[in-house]
Amino acid sequence: MMNTKLTLLFSTLFLAICMSCGVFKTKSKKNKESQNTTQENSSPHTQISPEKDLSTPSTIEQNVKTPPVIDTSQSYTLADYSFTFYDLDGNKVKLSQFKGKVIFLNFWATWCGPCIKELPNIKNLWEDYKDEVVFLLISNEKPDRIKRFEKDKNTGLPFYYYNSGDIPDVYKHSLIPTTFILSKNGKIVKKTSGSEPWDNDTNRQLIENLLLDYDR
């Protein structure tokens, strides 16, 4: 009888110990999982799925060009290359010599205030483009008068003179200064009566576009 009671007592104690160990392991596992979850949530490195870099312009945006100043849909007056004039030494010059080039054709006079006013701006443009653009500053005055003006002002600009009866109809004008800009393709893309700041960004962009044949 005593042996039976002792056996039952030891069995009960063993069962209680086993159950205690199981509960401890379960709690330890839960605590470990809880700690891992906490560590993951508090990690200083957060993995974010890569997204498109919005700061980089798209290929389409990169290929967009500034629209040309020239309205290619407009019908322009054609230049007349039969115009003949003279340099200050009396040598004959024909406009046809410069066919296929961008031409800056300016009619002016030494006594004209607005003409003189715009000369510094023309000179700035001439200094930057004289190797690519033909500049012709033409007066109907006697060459000696133009020479005296140039000696006094020392502009360095390319001055010419013409006989009034020799000017083609497309270049006839009632006011000075009057300026024509001719494209490589023989179109008068700009005509201005009166002085203008010729070295501004708009006119420079026009010249650049004409050099790229944007008037085609």
Protein backbone atom coordinates (compact mmCIF):
# COMPACT_ATOMS: atom_id res chain seq x y z
CA MET A 1 0.00 0.00 0.00
CA MET A 2 2.82 2.33 0.95
CA ASN A 3 4.63 1.55 -2.34
CA THR A 4 1.51 2.36 -4.30
CA LYS A 5 1.15 5.76 -2.63
CA LEU A 6 4.85 6.59 -3.20
CA THR A 7 4.58 5.61 -6.85
CA LEU A 8 1.50 7.80 -7.28
CA LEU A 9 3.25 10.72 -5.54
CA PHE A 10 6.36 10.49 -7.74
CA SER A 11 4.22 10.23 -10.86
CA THR A 12 2.29 13.35 -9.88
CA LEU A 13 5.51 15.29 -9.17
CA PHE A 14 7.06 14.16 -12.48
CA LEU A 15 3.97 15.18 -14.41
CA ALA A 16 3.95 18.59 -12.69
CA ILE A 17 7.64 19.15 -13.54
CA CYS A 18 7.08 18.21 -17.19
CA MET A 19 4.13 20.55 -17.50
CA SER A 20 6.15 23.36 -15.91
CA CYS A 21 8.97 22.86 -18.43
CA GLY A 22 6.53 22.92 -21.34
CA VAL A 23 4.98 26.18 -20.20
CA PHE A 24 8.44 27.69 -19.74
CA LYS A 25 9.53 26.68 -23.24
CA THR A 26 6.34 28.10 -24.73
CA LYS A 27 6.79 31.38 -22.89
CA SER A 28 10.45 31.53 -23.88
CA LYS A 29 9.54 30.95 -27.54
CA LYS A 30 6.86 33.63 -27.41
CA ASN A 31 9.23 36.05 -25.69
CA LYS A 32 11.92 35.37 -28.29
CA GLU A 33 9.47 35.92 -31.16
CA SER A 34 8.29 39.10 -29.49
CA GLN A 35 11.87 40.33 -29.15
CA ASN A 36 12.62 39.55 -32.81
CA THR A 37 9.53 41.43 -33.91
CA THR A 38 10.53 44.41 -31.80
CA GLN A 39 14.06 44.37 -33.22
CA GLU A 40 12.73 44.24 -36.78
CA ASN A 41 10.38 47.17 -36.16
CA SER A 42 13.08 49.26 -34.50
CA SER A 43 15.82 48.54 -37.09
CA PRO A 44 17.64 51.72 -38.35
CA HIS A 45 17.69 50.38 -41.92
CA THR A 46 14.37 50.27 -43.69
CA GLN A 47 14.22 48.45 -47.00
CA ILE A 48 12.08 50.41 -49.48
CA SER A 49 11.19 49.08 -52.88
CA PRO A 50 12.98 51.12 -55.56
CA GLU A 51 10.86 53.75 -57.31
CA LYS A 52 11.38 55.96 -60.39
CA ASP A 53 13.68 58.90 -59.76
CA LEU A 54 11.39 61.83 -60.42
CA SER A 55 14.29 64.28 -60.35
CA THR A 56 15.65 62.88 -63.64
CA PRO A 57 13.88 64.29 -66.73
CA SER A 58 12.39 61.75 -69.05
CA THR A 59 13.87 61.04 -72.47
CA ILE A 60 11.07 63.03 -74.07
CA GLU A 61 11.79 66.06 -71.88
CA GLN A 62 15.52 65.85 -72.62
CA ASN A 63 14.87 65.86 -76.38
CA VAL A 64 12.61 68.91 -76.35
CA LYS A 65 14.21 71.79 -78.27
CA THR A 66 13.56 75.48 -77.94
CA PRO A 67 11.21 76.35 -80.80
CA PRO A 68 12.85 78.51 -83.47
CA VAL A 69 12.14 82.22 -83.57
CA ILE A 70 11.34 81.86 -87.25
CA ASP A 71 7.74 81.07 -88.18
CA THR A 72 8.30 78.42 -90.85
CA SER A 73 4.61 78.50 -91.82
CA GLN A 74 4.90 82.13 -92.93
CA SER A 75 5.47 83.08 -96.56
CA TYR A 76 8.54 85.33 -96.74
CA THR A 77 9.51 87.81 -99.44
CA LEU A 78 12.37 86.52 -101.55
CA ALA A 79 15.63 88.41 -101.56
CA ASP A 80 16.84 90.11 -104.74
CA TYR A 81 20.51 89.37 -105.28
CA SER A 82 20.86 91.74 -108.25
CA PHE A 83 21.65 94.63 -105.90
CA THR A 84 24.98 96.31 -106.74
CA PHE A 85 26.85 98.70 -104.44
CA TYR A 86 30.44 99.79 -103.69
CA ASP A 87 33.02 99.65 -100.93
CA LEU A 88 34.60 102.88 -99.75
CA ASP A 89 37.46 102.47 -102.23
CA GLY A 90 35.01 102.41 -105.14
CA ASN A 91 35.15 98.67 -105.83
CA LYS A 92 31.90 97.20 -107.13
CA VAL A 93 30.22 94.67 -104.87
CA LYS A 94 27.29 92.46 -105.84
CA LEU A 95 24.89 91.02 -103.30
CA SER A 96 24.96 87.80 -105.31
CA GLN A 97 28.54 87.29 -104.09
CA PHE A 98 27.08 86.41 -100.69
CA LYS A 99 24.29 84.13 -101.87
CA GLY A 100 23.94 81.11 -99.60
CA LYS A 101 24.98 83.07 -96.49
CA VAL A 102 23.05 84.86 -93.76
CA ILE A 103 23.10 88.58 -94.58
CA PHE A 104 22.56 91.57 -92.29
CA LEU A 105 21.69 94.44 -94.65
CA ASN A 106 21.42 97.84 -92.98
CA PHE A 107 20.56 101.12 -94.73
CA TRP A 108 21.78 104.13 -92.78
CA ALA A 109 23.30 107.65 -93.07
CA THR A 110 25.97 109.59 -91.22
CA TRP A 111 23.50 112.40 -90.40
CA CYS A 112 20.83 110.03 -89.02
CA GLY A 113 20.62 110.09 -85.19
CA PRO A 114 18.77 106.75 -84.79
CA CYS A 115 21.23 105.15 -87.22
CA ILE A 116 24.20 106.26 -85.13
CA LYS A 117 22.42 105.21 -81.94
CA GLU A 118 22.15 101.58 -83.03
CA LEU A 119 25.70 101.26 -84.38
CA PRO A 120 27.19 100.07 -81.05
CA ASN A 121 24.59 97.28 -80.89
CA ILE A 122 25.27 96.32 -84.49
CA LYS A 123 28.99 96.29 -83.74
CA ASN A 124 28.48 93.91 -80.81
CA LEU A 125 26.56 91.54 -83.09
CA TRP A 126 29.13 91.94 -85.85
CA GLU A 127 32.03 91.13 -83.56
CA ASP A 128 30.35 87.88 -82.51
CA TYR A 129 29.12 86.73 -85.94
CA LYS A 130 31.33 88.39 -88.56
CA ASP A 131 32.92 85.04 -89.47
CA GLU A 132 29.52 83.47 -90.22
CA VAL A 133 27.22 86.35 -91.18
CA VAL A 134 27.73 88.99 -93.89
CA PHE A 135 27.22 92.50 -92.51
CA LEU A 136 26.54 95.26 -95.04
CA LEU A 137 25.97 98.81 -93.75
CA ILE A 138 25.04 100.81 -96.83
CA SER A 139 24.46 104.54 -97.30
CA ASN A 140 23.55 106.59 -100.39
CA GLU A 141 26.04 109.28 -99.35
CA LYS A 142 29.35 110.03 -101.02
CA PRO A 143 32.16 107.72 -99.91
CA ASP A 144 34.32 110.61 -98.68
CA ARG A 145 31.66 111.60 -96.17
CA ILE A 146 31.38 108.04 -94.88
CA LYS A 147 35.18 107.85 -94.62
CA ARG A 148 35.26 111.02 -92.51
CA PHE A 149 32.56 109.59 -90.26
CA GLU A 150 34.48 106.36 -89.82
CA LYS A 151 37.72 108.21 -89.14
CA ASP A 152 35.98 110.18 -86.41
CA LYS A 153 34.06 107.27 -84.84
CA ASN A 154 36.52 104.43 -85.56
CA THR A 155 33.78 101.76 -85.48
CA GLY A 156 35.58 99.23 -87.68
CA LEU A 157 32.24 98.29 -89.25
CA PRO A 158 31.94 97.29 -92.94
CA PHE A 159 30.49 100.42 -94.62
CA TYR A 160 29.40 100.66 -98.27
CA TYR A 161 27.58 103.13 -100.49
CA TYR A 162 25.11 102.81 -103.35
CA ASN A 163 23.47 104.92 -106.03
CA SER A 164 19.81 105.54 -105.24
CA GLY A 165 18.60 104.36 -108.62
CA ASP A 166 20.31 100.97 -108.25
CA ILE A 167 18.31 99.62 -105.32
CA PRO A 168 15.88 96.74 -106.04
CA ASP A 169 12.21 97.19 -105.13
CA VAL A 170 12.30 94.73 -102.21
CA TYR A 171 14.88 96.90 -100.42
CA LYS A 172 13.30 100.30 -101.07
CA HIS A 173 12.49 102.22 -97.91
CA SER A 174 11.21 105.62 -96.81
CA LEU A 175 12.82 105.64 -93.36
CA ILE A 176 16.29 105.03 -92.03
CA PRO A 177 17.66 103.06 -90.47
CA THR A 178 16.00 100.15 -92.23
CA THR A 179 17.44 96.67 -91.79
CA PHE A 180 16.83 93.43 -93.67
CA ILE A 181 17.99 90.02 -92.52
CA LEU A 182 18.31 87.46 -95.31
CA SER A 183 18.48 83.72 -94.76
CA LYS A 184 20.85 81.33 -96.49
CA ASN A 185 17.90 80.25 -98.60
CA GLY A 186 17.19 83.70 -99.97
CA LYS A 187 14.28 84.76 -97.77
CA ILE A 188 13.87 88.14 -96.11
CA VAL A 189 13.02 86.83 -92.64
CA LYS A 190 13.10 90.21 -90.92
CA LYS A 191 12.65 93.85 -91.88
CA THR A 192 12.89 96.62 -89.31
CA SER A 193 12.48 100.37 -89.82
CA GLY A 194 13.98 102.35 -86.95
CA SER A 195 16.76 101.63 -84.51
CA GLU A 196 16.78 98.36 -82.60
CA PRO A 197 18.94 96.70 -79.91
CA TRP A 198 20.41 94.26 -82.40
CA ASP A 199 22.58 92.44 -79.90
CA ASN A 200 19.68 91.32 -77.68
CA ASP A 201 18.81 87.66 -77.04
CA THR A 202 15.95 87.59 -79.55
CA ASN A 203 18.06 88.74 -82.48
CA ARG A 204 20.94 86.52 -81.47
CA GLN A 205 18.61 83.53 -81.39
CA LEU A 206 17.29 84.50 -84.82
CA ILE A 207 20.84 84.56 -86.20
CA GLU A 208 21.64 81.22 -84.57
CA ASN A 209 18.54 79.62 -86.08
CA LEU A 210 19.29 81.01 -89.52
CA LEU A 211 22.78 79.58 -89.34
CA LEU A 212 21.10 76.20 -88.68
CA ASP A 213 18.77 76.66 -91.70
CA TYR A 214 15.64 76.76 -89.52
CA ASP A 215 13.81 78.75 -92.21
CA ARG A 216 13.55 75.77 -94.54
